[in-house]
């Protein structure tokens, strides 16, 4: 947990008679709330506080640079980072391994673009008329909407070899002979286009057409409903039982549900499994992200949190290729379910968050992790160091997010921002098939533009800070969506529309990279997962709406992109109410507070 989320001016009685002044900075919390923030101090072998611990120095660094001043807010560190290294080979390996969990998550959330793709369909032809051209059959059966056909016609009197004009005459005669004036009845069987580069989808598997067409959106909504539900549940459980425990339990369940979907033949069971898959997938996403952030220290929290998302664009490109090669929703489900099996074996490699363990008072486990990381990083630990666990555990209740004006402000802002970000980001991703052009190529391009978006965001964020860059990404995404809305309906300008969509995807991807890191940095360690989990509920509500956004184009062609434009600009406006960092600089210098203790 960043040092800048700590208590101010706390005094503790030291057994030796020394009074240790804890000048830690979080002026926006009340005194009662400050007392709940856990602290940890360095001790010598006698149990006495180490005499040299400044806000930005470890005992090891103090001898090298005793006159160092206060670091920038985002560079401030804690004791655990000072011991095992703020960022080294150990942190690099662990955070890269954790980023791999984003791969199956991205596969599952974007699979509906291909598995629920629309297909051309028509009412089923009689067995002896299978060679009849589809257009001719539609005219003969009167099935212009592909949902109804003429009733009472004896199709056995027609053949594939009859000329179209004769077929029309015979069909009319058959209708007259039946005494039915060409009444239309609902079809109960359909045929589907096979040469459409889409293959077998939910549509063709369960006949989700006509009055059942909405069930495709329901299937995706069930998944995203699970995401919304899992957000707050996973956050609470992760804070209570540990980041690693929840990460791997969720990853195992994700693999089981993902592979079960391959064998599932019942649509009702499929809906249930999709909901459960969404429930555990969100836990994998954010438990892994929080764990990666808590492995590192100082400014590296931002970097590690952002490159944890690098597998997302690569996964978008991979699944578009897999979907093109398989062109079958079941085979695609098998391909995206298998990678989770290998990730489960990382249980034996990835340790628990040492900062979470210290909050829980499990000092010996923290010591083992620190020593292993220090050896891997080539650092020497002082032989007499000791860690003191916090004496009081802070509240893990979601109501804690609203107990002060500062926490209320950032919580309300982030709830709005997460809703907006996910509505726009996934509104573009999950509706890629409705924008025109080749869905596989569009999805691959959308993934490709996200790679430089993450890289550029990682670079610029170190120059201008998170707040203004985050605001700019949302505003620019709104402008791009507005331009795409203007080109809507002009087939000759499809290339320009796709260009604007990719520009919008670029900017919103940069914002999506910043958002979880920015959120995690503003919440204290003890409630960080609860805060992120609550925000994820708002994100889940937005995700539930995204499958239905494509229906807006049936009302009015410009409505979808206009809606995304409005929400993007609204999100950019809300960002202005957030602080640049979670700490305000203290006018005092390190020299004026030589006995400050670091916070975990």
Foldseek 3Di string as FASTA:
>chain_A
DFQQCAAAFDWDQWPVRDIFTAGTFFVQDDPVQRVQFFFKFKAFQVRGGDLFDFQADEPVCCVVCVPDKDDDRLQTWAHLCNQLNQDFPLLVVQLVLLLVLVQLLLLLLQLLLQQLDDFDKAFDDPPQQPVADPVLVCVLQVGPVRFKGFPQADCVVDHRPDDSVVSNVNSCVRCVVSVHPRDIDTGDDMDTDDPPLRAAHPCNLVVCDDVNVCVSLLLSLLLLLLLLVLLQVLLLVCLVPFLLVLLLVLLVLLLVLLLVLLVDSDPVVSSVSSNSNSNSSNSNVVSSLVLSLLVHTRNVSLVSSLVSNLVNLVSLLVLLVVSSVPSHSSVSSNVSSVVSVVSSVCSVPHDTRLQSCLQVVVQVSSVVVSVVSNVVRVHDGDPTIDMDGGPHHHDQDLCVCVPGPQSVLVLVLLLLLLLLLLLLQVLLSSCQSLLDDDSSVLSNLLSVLLNVLSVVLSVVCVPPFLLVLLLVLLLQLLVLLVVLLVCFPPPVCSVVNSVSSSSSSSSSSNNVSSSLSQQLQQDRPSHSSSSSSNSSSSNSVSSSCSSVLSVVCVVPVSVSSNVSSVSSNVSSVSSVSHDRGSGDDDPDMSVVNRSHHGGD
